[in-house]
Amino acid sequence: MKQILLVLIVTLLNTQFLLSQINVIGNADYSSIENNAEIENNFRSIFLFSNIGILDFLSIGIGYQVSDKISLSLKGSQTFIGSSAIGLPHGGNGVGIKLSYHTPFLFFNTTSFEYIQYLSTSIDYRINSITKGNYFDFNCGRESINESGFNFFWAIGVCISNAKGANVLYSPSLKIGFNFNFTEKE
């Protein structure tokens, strides 16, 4: 049931652009191109995101743009952990936070730190604890924060999975995904 719900949420997040349009109700002259450009260049306030990656293979979340440079997000993630059974990696899932700093640097424009607290793993039967371990990710990438609607983002970096009962796993981090930005008038 949980997998069906996750697939439904990801599908809705990734197809919402088919039914969305720019909100021009508050503008006096909504036919001008200049007013539409103003709407699209405001900084986002609340945003939704979904991504896939190497170790953090599925994430969904909601965030808030605190200032033009800093955003804070809550996320739910499915990750691989450092043990395997018959060649297949074990998995863990949990909730966490993502703190991002937005400033241009070469072809990057965002730097993020992510932390996930594992709430369950596929090796739960060995662990007698409420928390099942930690996941850390430090990455740099490109993300649009001043355009409303759906936007593509990507990130590269390093991550560490430290699940209880499993080996510590160090891995490169590579993520791609979509975010949906709700903008607010400045």
N, C-alpha and C. Protein backbone atom coordinates (compact mmCIF):
# COMPACT_ATOMS: atom_id res chain seq x y z
N MET A 1 0.82 -1.19 0.00
CA MET A 1 0.00 0.00 0.00
C MET A 1 0.87 1.26 0.00
N LYS A 2 1.97 1.22 0.79
CA LYS A 2 2.84 2.38 0.87
C LYS A 2 3.49 2.66 -0.49
N GLN A 3 3.88 1.62 -1.21
CA GLN A 3 4.50 1.80 -2.52
C GLN A 3 3.51 2.40 -3.52
N ILE A 4 2.25 1.97 -3.47
CA ILE A 4 1.23 2.50 -4.37
C ILE A 4 1.01 3.98 -4.10
N LEU A 5 0.97 4.36 -2.82
CA LEU A 5 0.80 5.76 -2.45
C LEU A 5 1.98 6.60 -2.93
N LEU A 6 3.20 6.10 -2.76
CA LEU A 6 4.39 6.82 -3.24
C LEU A 6 4.37 6.99 -4.75
N VAL A 7 4.01 5.95 -5.48
CA VAL A 7 3.94 6.04 -6.94
C VAL A 7 2.88 7.05 -7.36
N LEU A 8 1.74 7.08 -6.69
CA LEU A 8 0.68 8.03 -6.98
C LEU A 8 1.14 9.47 -6.74
N ILE A 9 1.81 9.72 -5.62
CA ILE A 9 2.29 11.07 -5.30
C ILE A 9 3.32 11.52 -6.32
N VAL A 10 4.28 10.67 -6.65
CA VAL A 10 5.31 11.02 -7.63
C VAL A 10 4.69 11.29 -8.99
N THR A 11 3.72 10.46 -9.39
CA THR A 11 3.06 10.67 -10.68
C THR A 11 2.32 12.00 -10.70
N LEU A 12 1.61 12.33 -9.64
CA LEU A 12 0.90 13.61 -9.58
C LEU A 12 1.86 14.78 -9.59
N LEU A 13 2.99 14.67 -8.87
CA LEU A 13 3.97 15.75 -8.87
C LEU A 13 4.59 15.95 -10.25
N ASN A 14 4.81 14.87 -10.98
CA ASN A 14 5.49 14.96 -12.26
C ASN A 14 4.56 15.24 -13.43
N THR A 15 3.24 15.22 -13.25
CA THR A 15 2.32 15.49 -14.35
C THR A 15 1.44 16.70 -14.09
N GLN A 16 1.61 17.39 -12.99
CA GLN A 16 0.78 18.55 -12.66
C GLN A 16 0.92 19.66 -13.68
N PHE A 17 2.08 19.79 -14.34
CA PHE A 17 2.28 20.87 -15.30
C PHE A 17 1.30 20.79 -16.47
N LEU A 18 0.72 19.61 -16.73
CA LEU A 18 -0.23 19.48 -17.82
C LEU A 18 -1.51 20.27 -17.55
N LEU A 19 -1.85 20.44 -16.28
CA LEU A 19 -3.10 21.12 -15.91
C LEU A 19 -2.87 22.48 -15.28
N SER A 20 -1.63 22.97 -15.21
CA SER A 20 -1.35 24.22 -14.52
C SER A 20 -1.13 25.37 -15.49
N GLN A 21 -1.29 26.58 -14.97
CA GLN A 21 -1.04 27.78 -15.76
C GLN A 21 -0.61 28.88 -14.81
N ILE A 22 -0.10 29.97 -15.37
CA ILE A 22 0.32 31.11 -14.56
C ILE A 22 -0.91 31.79 -13.99
N ASN A 23 -0.85 32.17 -12.73
CA ASN A 23 -1.96 32.86 -12.07
C ASN A 23 -1.89 34.35 -12.41
N VAL A 24 -2.81 34.82 -13.22
CA VAL A 24 -2.82 36.22 -13.63
C VAL A 24 -4.04 36.96 -13.10
N ILE A 25 -4.76 36.41 -12.15
CA ILE A 25 -6.00 37.03 -11.66
C ILE A 25 -5.73 38.36 -10.97
N GLY A 26 -4.65 38.48 -10.22
CA GLY A 26 -4.37 39.70 -9.45
C GLY A 26 -3.82 40.84 -10.28
N ASN A 27 -3.55 40.68 -11.55
CA ASN A 27 -2.96 41.73 -12.37
C ASN A 27 -4.04 42.50 -13.12
N ALA A 28 -3.88 43.83 -13.23
CA ALA A 28 -4.85 44.65 -13.95
C ALA A 28 -4.79 44.37 -15.45
N ASP A 29 -3.59 44.30 -16.01
CA ASP A 29 -3.44 44.07 -17.44
C ASP A 29 -2.81 42.70 -17.63
N TYR A 30 -3.60 41.65 -17.57
CA TYR A 30 -3.06 40.30 -17.61
C TYR A 30 -2.70 39.84 -19.01
N SER A 31 -2.95 40.64 -20.02
CA SER A 31 -2.60 40.23 -21.38
C SER A 31 -1.19 40.63 -21.75
N SER A 32 -0.54 41.45 -20.94
CA SER A 32 0.81 41.90 -21.32
C SER A 32 1.84 40.85 -20.97
N ILE A 33 2.81 40.72 -21.82
CA ILE A 33 3.90 39.76 -21.61
C ILE A 33 4.74 40.18 -20.42
N GLU A 34 4.87 41.48 -20.19
CA GLU A 34 5.69 41.98 -19.10
C GLU A 34 5.14 41.53 -17.75
N ASN A 35 3.83 41.56 -17.56
CA ASN A 35 3.24 41.12 -16.29
C ASN A 35 3.46 39.63 -16.08
N ASN A 36 3.32 38.82 -17.13
CA ASN A 36 3.58 37.40 -16.99
C ASN A 36 5.03 37.14 -16.63
N ALA A 37 5.97 37.90 -17.19
CA ALA A 37 7.39 37.74 -16.87
C ALA A 37 7.63 38.11 -15.41
N GLU A 38 6.93 39.15 -14.90
CA GLU A 38 7.09 39.51 -13.50
C GLU A 38 6.64 38.38 -12.58
N ILE A 39 5.56 37.72 -12.93
CA ILE A 39 5.06 36.62 -12.11
C ILE A 39 6.08 35.49 -12.07
N GLU A 40 6.69 35.18 -13.20
CA GLU A 40 7.62 34.05 -13.24
C GLU A 40 8.95 34.34 -12.58
N ASN A 41 9.31 35.62 -12.35
CA ASN A 41 10.61 35.94 -11.78
C ASN A 41 10.57 36.22 -10.29
N ASN A 42 9.47 36.01 -9.63
CA ASN A 42 9.41 36.14 -8.18
C ASN A 42 10.02 34.91 -7.54
N PHE A 43 10.57 35.09 -6.33
CA PHE A 43 11.11 33.95 -5.62
C PHE A 43 9.98 33.08 -5.08
N ARG A 44 10.24 31.79 -5.04
CA ARG A 44 9.22 30.86 -4.55
C ARG A 44 9.04 31.05 -3.05
N SER A 45 7.90 30.63 -2.57
CA SER A 45 7.66 30.63 -1.13
C SER A 45 7.66 29.17 -0.67
N ILE A 46 6.66 28.42 -1.06
CA ILE A 46 6.58 26.99 -0.74
C ILE A 46 6.82 26.21 -2.02
N PHE A 47 7.48 25.06 -1.90
CA PHE A 47 7.73 24.23 -3.08
C PHE A 47 7.64 22.76 -2.71
N LEU A 48 7.29 21.95 -3.69
CA LEU A 48 7.26 20.50 -3.57
C LEU A 48 8.36 19.94 -4.46
N PHE A 49 8.93 18.80 -4.08
CA PHE A 49 9.94 18.21 -4.93
C PHE A 49 9.90 16.69 -4.87
N SER A 50 10.45 16.09 -5.90
CA SER A 50 10.57 14.65 -6.02
C SER A 50 11.84 14.36 -6.79
N ASN A 51 12.64 13.41 -6.32
CA ASN A 51 13.87 13.10 -7.05
C ASN A 51 14.22 11.62 -6.94
N ILE A 52 15.07 11.19 -7.87
CA ILE A 52 15.65 9.85 -7.85
C ILE A 52 17.15 10.03 -7.85
N GLY A 53 17.86 9.04 -7.30
CA GLY A 53 19.31 9.14 -7.23
C GLY A 53 19.95 7.78 -7.11
N ILE A 54 21.26 7.78 -6.85
CA ILE A 54 22.02 6.53 -6.76
C ILE A 54 21.75 5.82 -5.43
N LEU A 55 22.15 6.43 -4.32
CA LEU A 55 21.95 5.81 -3.01
C LEU A 55 20.59 6.20 -2.42
N ASP A 56 20.23 7.45 -2.56
CA ASP A 56 18.92 7.96 -2.15
C ASP A 56 18.01 7.81 -3.37
N PHE A 57 17.47 6.60 -3.57
CA PHE A 57 16.85 6.30 -4.86
C PHE A 57 15.46 6.87 -5.05
N LEU A 58 14.79 7.34 -4.01
CA LEU A 58 13.49 7.98 -4.17
C LEU A 58 13.23 8.90 -2.99
N SER A 59 12.92 10.16 -3.29
CA SER A 59 12.60 11.14 -2.25
C SER A 59 11.45 12.02 -2.70
N ILE A 60 10.62 12.41 -1.74
CA ILE A 60 9.59 13.41 -1.98
C ILE A 60 9.61 14.34 -0.77
N GLY A 61 9.25 15.60 -0.99
CA GLY A 61 9.29 16.52 0.12
C GLY A 61 8.59 17.82 -0.16
N ILE A 62 8.55 18.65 0.89
CA ILE A 62 7.98 19.98 0.82
C ILE A 62 8.96 20.93 1.48
N GLY A 63 9.09 22.13 0.90
CA GLY A 63 10.06 23.07 1.43
C GLY A 63 9.54 24.49 1.46
N TYR A 64 10.33 25.35 2.09
CA TYR A 64 10.01 26.76 2.21
C TYR A 64 11.26 27.57 1.91
N GLN A 65 11.14 28.58 1.06
CA GLN A 65 12.25 29.47 0.73
C GLN A 65 12.30 30.54 1.81
N VAL A 66 13.22 30.41 2.77
CA VAL A 66 13.32 31.30 3.91
C VAL A 66 13.74 32.70 3.46
N SER A 67 14.75 32.78 2.60
CA SER A 67 15.21 34.04 2.03
C SER A 67 15.63 33.77 0.59
N ASP A 68 16.16 34.78 -0.10
CA ASP A 68 16.58 34.53 -1.47
C ASP A 68 17.79 33.62 -1.56
N LYS A 69 18.47 33.36 -0.44
CA LYS A 69 19.66 32.49 -0.43
C LYS A 69 19.46 31.16 0.28
N ILE A 70 18.47 31.03 1.17
CA ILE A 70 18.34 29.84 2.01
C ILE A 70 16.95 29.23 1.87
N SER A 71 16.91 27.90 1.73
CA SER A 71 15.64 27.16 1.75
C SER A 71 15.77 25.97 2.70
N LEU A 72 14.66 25.60 3.30
CA LEU A 72 14.60 24.50 4.25
C LEU A 72 13.47 23.57 3.84
N SER A 73 13.74 22.25 3.84
CA SER A 73 12.75 21.27 3.37
C SER A 73 12.62 20.11 4.34
N LEU A 74 11.44 19.51 4.37
CA LEU A 74 11.19 18.23 5.03
C LEU A 74 11.02 17.20 3.93
N LYS A 75 11.60 16.02 4.11
CA LYS A 75 11.55 15.01 3.05
C LYS A 75 11.38 13.62 3.61
N GLY A 76 10.80 12.76 2.79
CA GLY A 76 10.73 11.33 3.07
C GLY A 76 11.54 10.63 2.00
N SER A 77 12.35 9.65 2.39
CA SER A 77 13.26 9.02 1.43
C SER A 77 13.33 7.51 1.58
N GLN A 78 13.61 6.88 0.47
CA GLN A 78 13.95 5.46 0.40
C GLN A 78 15.41 5.40 -0.04
N THR A 79 16.26 4.73 0.73
CA THR A 79 17.68 4.66 0.38
C THR A 79 18.16 3.22 0.45
N PHE A 80 19.31 3.00 -0.17
CA PHE A 80 20.01 1.73 0.00
C PHE A 80 20.88 1.84 1.23
N ILE A 81 21.05 0.72 1.94
CA ILE A 81 21.94 0.70 3.11
C ILE A 81 23.08 -0.27 2.83
N GLY A 82 24.07 -0.30 3.71
CA GLY A 82 25.33 -0.95 3.43
C GLY A 82 25.43 -2.45 3.54
N SER A 83 24.38 -3.19 3.54
CA SER A 83 24.45 -4.66 3.53
C SER A 83 23.68 -5.17 2.33
N SER A 84 24.00 -6.38 1.92
CA SER A 84 23.25 -6.94 0.79
C SER A 84 22.94 -8.40 1.06
N ALA A 85 21.91 -8.87 0.42
CA ALA A 85 21.51 -10.26 0.52
C ALA A 85 21.37 -10.81 -0.89
N ILE A 86 22.11 -11.83 -1.21
CA ILE A 86 22.09 -12.49 -2.52
C ILE A 86 22.28 -11.45 -3.63
N GLY A 87 23.21 -10.51 -3.44
CA GLY A 87 23.52 -9.52 -4.45
C GLY A 87 22.57 -8.35 -4.53
N LEU A 88 21.46 -8.38 -3.80
CA LEU A 88 20.50 -7.28 -3.81
C LEU A 88 20.71 -6.42 -2.56
N PRO A 89 20.80 -5.11 -2.71
CA PRO A 89 21.02 -4.26 -1.54
C PRO A 89 19.78 -4.17 -0.66
N HIS A 90 20.04 -4.04 0.63
CA HIS A 90 18.95 -3.79 1.57
C HIS A 90 18.54 -2.33 1.46
N GLY A 91 17.34 -2.03 1.91
CA GLY A 91 16.83 -0.66 1.84
C GLY A 91 16.42 -0.15 3.20
N GLY A 92 16.37 1.16 3.29
CA GLY A 92 15.91 1.82 4.49
C GLY A 92 15.06 3.01 4.10
N ASN A 93 14.12 3.36 4.97
CA ASN A 93 13.34 4.56 4.69
C ASN A 93 13.23 5.39 5.95
N GLY A 94 13.02 6.68 5.75
CA GLY A 94 12.94 7.57 6.88
C GLY A 94 12.54 8.97 6.47
N VAL A 95 12.58 9.85 7.45
CA VAL A 95 12.26 11.26 7.22
C VAL A 95 13.48 12.09 7.59
N GLY A 96 13.55 13.27 6.97
CA GLY A 96 14.71 14.11 7.24
C GLY A 96 14.50 15.54 6.83
N ILE A 97 15.61 16.27 6.84
CA ILE A 97 15.60 17.67 6.47
C ILE A 97 16.64 17.93 5.38
N LYS A 98 16.42 19.00 4.64
CA LYS A 98 17.36 19.43 3.61
C LYS A 98 17.53 20.93 3.75
N LEU A 99 18.77 21.37 3.95
CA LEU A 99 19.10 22.78 4.07
C LEU A 99 19.90 23.17 2.84
N SER A 100 19.43 24.18 2.09
CA SER A 100 20.08 24.59 0.84
C SER A 100 20.48 26.04 0.89
N TYR A 101 21.65 26.32 0.32
CA TYR A 101 22.15 27.68 0.17
C TYR A 101 22.28 27.96 -1.33
N HIS A 102 21.63 29.02 -1.80
CA HIS A 102 21.56 29.31 -3.23
C HIS A 102 22.45 30.49 -3.59
N THR A 103 23.53 30.21 -4.32
CA THR A 103 24.41 31.24 -4.84
C THR A 103 25.14 30.69 -6.07
N PRO A 104 25.30 31.50 -7.11
CA PRO A 104 25.97 30.99 -8.32
C PRO A 104 27.45 30.69 -8.07
N PHE A 105 27.91 29.57 -8.60
CA PHE A 105 29.31 29.17 -8.55
C PHE A 105 29.56 28.23 -9.73
N LEU A 106 30.32 28.68 -10.72
CA LEU A 106 30.56 27.94 -11.96
C LEU A 106 29.21 27.59 -12.60
N PHE A 107 28.92 26.30 -12.82
CA PHE A 107 27.62 25.92 -13.38
C PHE A 107 26.67 25.39 -12.30
N PHE A 108 27.01 25.57 -11.03
CA PHE A 108 26.13 25.24 -9.91
C PHE A 108 25.46 26.52 -9.42
N ASN A 109 24.32 26.37 -8.76
CA ASN A 109 23.72 27.54 -8.11
C ASN A 109 23.14 27.20 -6.74
N THR A 110 23.32 25.96 -6.28
CA THR A 110 22.83 25.59 -4.95
C THR A 110 23.76 24.57 -4.31
N THR A 111 23.92 24.71 -3.00
CA THR A 111 24.68 23.75 -2.20
C THR A 111 23.74 23.27 -1.10
N SER A 112 23.65 21.95 -0.91
CA SER A 112 22.68 21.39 0.04
C SER A 112 23.33 20.40 0.99
N PHE A 113 22.79 20.38 2.22
CA PHE A 113 23.11 19.36 3.20
C PHE A 113 21.81 18.66 3.55
N GLU A 114 21.80 17.32 3.48
CA GLU A 114 20.60 16.55 3.77
C GLU A 114 20.89 15.55 4.89
N TYR A 115 19.92 15.40 5.78
CA TYR A 115 20.02 14.42 6.86
C TYR A 115 18.71 13.64 6.91
N ILE A 116 18.82 12.31 6.98
CA ILE A 116 17.65 11.44 7.09
C ILE A 116 17.83 10.54 8.30
N GLN A 117 16.80 10.43 9.11
CA GLN A 117 16.77 9.50 10.23
C GLN A 117 16.00 8.27 9.77
N TYR A 118 16.66 7.10 9.71
CA TYR A 118 15.98 5.87 9.29
C TYR A 118 14.96 5.46 10.34
N LEU A 119 13.75 5.20 9.89
CA LEU A 119 12.69 4.72 10.77
C LEU A 119 12.44 3.23 10.60
N SER A 120 12.80 2.68 9.43
CA SER A 120 12.71 1.24 9.21
C SER A 120 13.73 0.85 8.15
N THR A 121 14.17 -0.39 8.25
CA THR A 121 15.09 -0.94 7.25
C THR A 121 14.64 -2.36 6.93
N SER A 122 15.22 -2.93 5.90
CA SER A 122 14.86 -4.30 5.55
C SER A 122 15.53 -5.32 6.47
N ILE A 123 16.37 -4.85 7.39
CA ILE A 123 16.99 -5.74 8.39
C ILE A 123 16.50 -5.40 9.80
N ASP A 124 15.25 -4.93 9.91
CA ASP A 124 14.66 -4.53 11.19
C ASP A 124 14.68 -5.63 12.23
N TYR A 125 14.58 -6.88 11.82
CA TYR A 125 14.49 -7.97 12.78
C TYR A 125 15.73 -8.06 13.67
N ARG A 126 16.84 -7.45 13.28
CA ARG A 126 18.07 -7.49 14.08
C ARG A 126 18.19 -6.32 15.04
N ILE A 127 17.34 -5.31 14.92
CA ILE A 127 17.53 -4.06 15.65
C ILE A 127 16.37 -3.82 16.61
N ASN A 128 16.72 -3.58 17.89
CA ASN A 128 15.70 -3.30 18.91
C ASN A 128 15.77 -1.83 19.30
N SER A 129 15.51 -0.96 18.36
CA SER A 129 15.59 0.47 18.59
C SER A 129 14.54 1.18 17.74
N ILE A 130 14.09 2.32 18.20
CA ILE A 130 13.12 3.09 17.42
C ILE A 130 13.78 3.66 16.18
N THR A 131 14.96 4.25 16.34
CA THR A 131 15.69 4.78 15.20
C THR A 131 16.62 3.69 14.66
N LYS A 132 16.75 3.64 13.35
CA LYS A 132 17.50 2.55 12.71
C LYS A 132 18.79 3.01 12.06
N GLY A 133 19.16 4.27 12.22
CA GLY A 133 20.41 4.76 11.65
C GLY A 133 20.25 6.13 11.03
N ASN A 134 21.29 6.56 10.30
CA ASN A 134 21.34 7.91 9.74
C ASN A 134 21.83 7.88 8.30
N TYR A 135 21.46 8.92 7.57
CA TYR A 135 21.93 9.12 6.20
C TYR A 135 22.32 10.59 6.07
N PHE A 136 23.52 10.86 5.56
CA PHE A 136 24.02 12.22 5.36
C PHE A 136 24.35 12.41 3.89
N ASP A 137 24.06 13.59 3.35
CA ASP A 137 24.34 13.88 1.95
C ASP A 137 24.76 15.34 1.83
N PHE A 138 25.89 15.57 1.16
CA PHE A 138 26.34 16.92 0.85
C PHE A 138 26.47 17.01 -0.66
N ASN A 139 25.76 17.96 -1.29
CA ASN A 139 25.79 18.03 -2.75
C ASN A 139 25.71 19.45 -3.26
N CYS A 140 26.12 19.62 -4.50
CA CYS A 140 26.02 20.88 -5.23
C CYS A 140 25.25 20.59 -6.51
N GLY A 141 24.45 21.56 -6.96
CA GLY A 141 23.68 21.32 -8.17
C GLY A 141 23.08 22.57 -8.73
N ARG A 142 22.08 22.38 -9.56
CA ARG A 142 21.38 23.48 -10.21
C ARG A 142 19.89 23.32 -9.98
N GLU A 143 19.27 24.40 -9.47
CA GLU A 143 17.84 24.38 -9.15
C GLU A 143 17.27 25.78 -9.38
N SER A 144 16.12 25.88 -9.97
CA SER A 144 15.48 27.17 -10.22
C SER A 144 14.61 27.55 -9.04
N ILE A 145 14.85 28.75 -8.48
CA ILE A 145 14.05 29.22 -7.35
C ILE A 145 13.21 30.44 -7.70
N ASN A 146 13.34 30.96 -8.92
CA ASN A 146 12.60 32.18 -9.27
C ASN A 146 11.64 31.98 -10.43
N GLU A 147 11.28 30.74 -10.73
CA GLU A 147 10.28 30.46 -11.76
C GLU A 147 9.19 29.60 -11.16
N SER A 148 7.94 30.00 -11.39
CA SER A 148 6.83 29.23 -10.85
C SER A 148 6.59 27.98 -11.69
N GLY A 149 5.85 27.05 -11.13
CA GLY A 149 5.52 25.83 -11.84
C GLY A 149 6.60 24.76 -11.70
N PHE A 150 6.57 23.80 -12.62
CA PHE A 150 7.51 22.68 -12.59
C PHE A 150 8.86 23.08 -13.16
N ASN A 151 9.91 22.63 -12.49
CA ASN A 151 11.28 22.89 -12.91
C ASN A 151 12.11 21.64 -12.67
N PHE A 152 13.08 21.42 -13.53
CA PHE A 152 14.01 20.29 -13.43
C PHE A 152 15.18 20.72 -12.55
N PHE A 153 15.71 19.81 -11.71
CA PHE A 153 16.93 20.10 -10.96
C PHE A 153 17.82 18.88 -10.94
N TRP A 154 19.10 19.09 -10.63
CA TRP A 154 20.07 18.01 -10.52
C TRP A 154 21.10 18.39 -9.46
N ALA A 155 21.79 17.37 -8.93
CA ALA A 155 22.82 17.59 -7.91
C ALA A 155 23.82 16.45 -7.93
N ILE A 156 25.08 16.77 -7.61
CA ILE A 156 26.14 15.77 -7.45
C ILE A 156 26.85 16.04 -6.12
N GLY A 157 27.37 15.00 -5.51
CA GLY A 157 28.06 15.17 -4.24
C GLY A 157 28.49 13.85 -3.65
N VAL A 158 28.53 13.78 -2.32
CA VAL A 158 28.90 12.57 -1.59
C VAL A 158 27.87 12.30 -0.52
N CYS A 159 27.67 11.01 -0.18
CA CYS A 159 26.70 10.65 0.85
C CYS A 159 27.22 9.47 1.67
N ILE A 160 26.67 9.36 2.87
CA ILE A 160 27.04 8.29 3.81
C ILE A 160 25.76 7.70 4.37
N SER A 161 25.64 6.38 4.29
CA SER A 161 24.52 5.66 4.89
C SER A 161 25.07 4.86 6.07
N ASN A 162 24.52 5.13 7.25
CA ASN A 162 25.00 4.49 8.47
C ASN A 162 23.81 3.85 9.19
N ALA A 163 23.32 2.75 8.65
CA ALA A 163 22.18 2.04 9.24
C ALA A 163 22.68 1.06 10.30
N LYS A 164 21.93 0.93 11.38
CA LYS A 164 22.29 -0.02 12.43
C LYS A 164 22.18 -1.44 11.90
N GLY A 165 23.15 -2.27 12.22
CA GLY A 165 23.15 -3.65 11.76
C GLY A 165 23.70 -3.84 10.36
N ALA A 166 24.18 -2.77 9.73
CA ALA A 166 24.73 -2.84 8.38
C ALA A 166 26.08 -2.12 8.35
N ASN A 167 26.86 -2.39 7.33
CA ASN A 167 28.13 -1.70 7.16
C ASN A 167 27.87 -0.25 6.78
N VAL A 168 28.80 0.63 7.16
CA VAL A 168 28.72 2.03 6.73
C VAL A 168 29.00 2.08 5.24
N LEU A 169 28.17 2.81 4.51
CA LEU A 169 28.29 2.87 3.06
C LEU A 169 28.59 4.31 2.63
N TYR A 170 29.73 4.48 1.95
CA TYR A 170 30.13 5.77 1.38
C TYR A 170 29.88 5.69 -0.12
N SER A 171 29.30 6.74 -0.69
CA SER A 171 28.94 6.67 -2.10
C SER A 171 28.91 8.06 -2.72
N PRO A 172 29.16 8.15 -4.03
CA PRO A 172 28.87 9.42 -4.70
C PRO A 172 27.36 9.62 -4.73
N SER A 173 26.97 10.86 -4.76
CA SER A 173 25.55 11.21 -4.79
C SER A 173 25.25 11.86 -6.13
N LEU A 174 24.30 11.32 -6.85
CA LEU A 174 23.86 11.89 -8.12
C LEU A 174 22.34 11.86 -8.11
N LYS A 175 21.71 13.03 -8.25
CA LYS A 175 20.25 13.12 -8.17
C LYS A 175 19.72 13.94 -9.32
N ILE A 176 18.54 13.55 -9.79
CA ILE A 176 17.78 14.34 -10.74
C ILE A 176 16.33 14.35 -10.27
N GLY A 177 15.62 15.40 -10.58
CA GLY A 177 14.23 15.44 -10.14
C GLY A 177 13.50 16.67 -10.63
N PHE A 178 12.27 16.81 -10.12
CA PHE A 178 11.40 17.93 -10.45
C PHE A 178 10.97 18.61 -9.17
N ASN A 179 10.83 19.93 -9.23
CA ASN A 179 10.19 20.64 -8.13
C ASN A 179 9.06 21.49 -8.69
N PHE A 180 8.09 21.75 -7.87
CA PHE A 180 6.97 22.62 -8.22
C PHE A 180 7.04 23.82 -7.30
N ASN A 181 7.28 24.99 -7.87
CA ASN A 181 7.45 26.22 -7.10
C ASN A 181 6.14 27.02 -7.06
N PHE A 182 5.72 27.38 -5.87
CA PHE A 182 4.63 28.34 -5.68
C PHE A 182 5.31 29.67 -5.41
N THR A 183 4.98 30.71 -6.18
CA THR A 183 5.67 31.99 -5.99
C THR A 183 4.82 32.92 -5.17
N GLU A 184 5.50 33.90 -4.55
CA GLU A 184 4.79 34.94 -3.83
C GLU A 184 5.22 36.28 -4.39
N LYS A 185 4.35 37.22 -4.35
CA LYS A 185 4.62 38.56 -4.89
C LYS A 185 5.59 39.28 -3.98
N GLU A 186 6.62 39.89 -4.55
CA GLU A 186 7.60 40.63 -3.74
C GLU A 186 7.14 42.04 -3.48
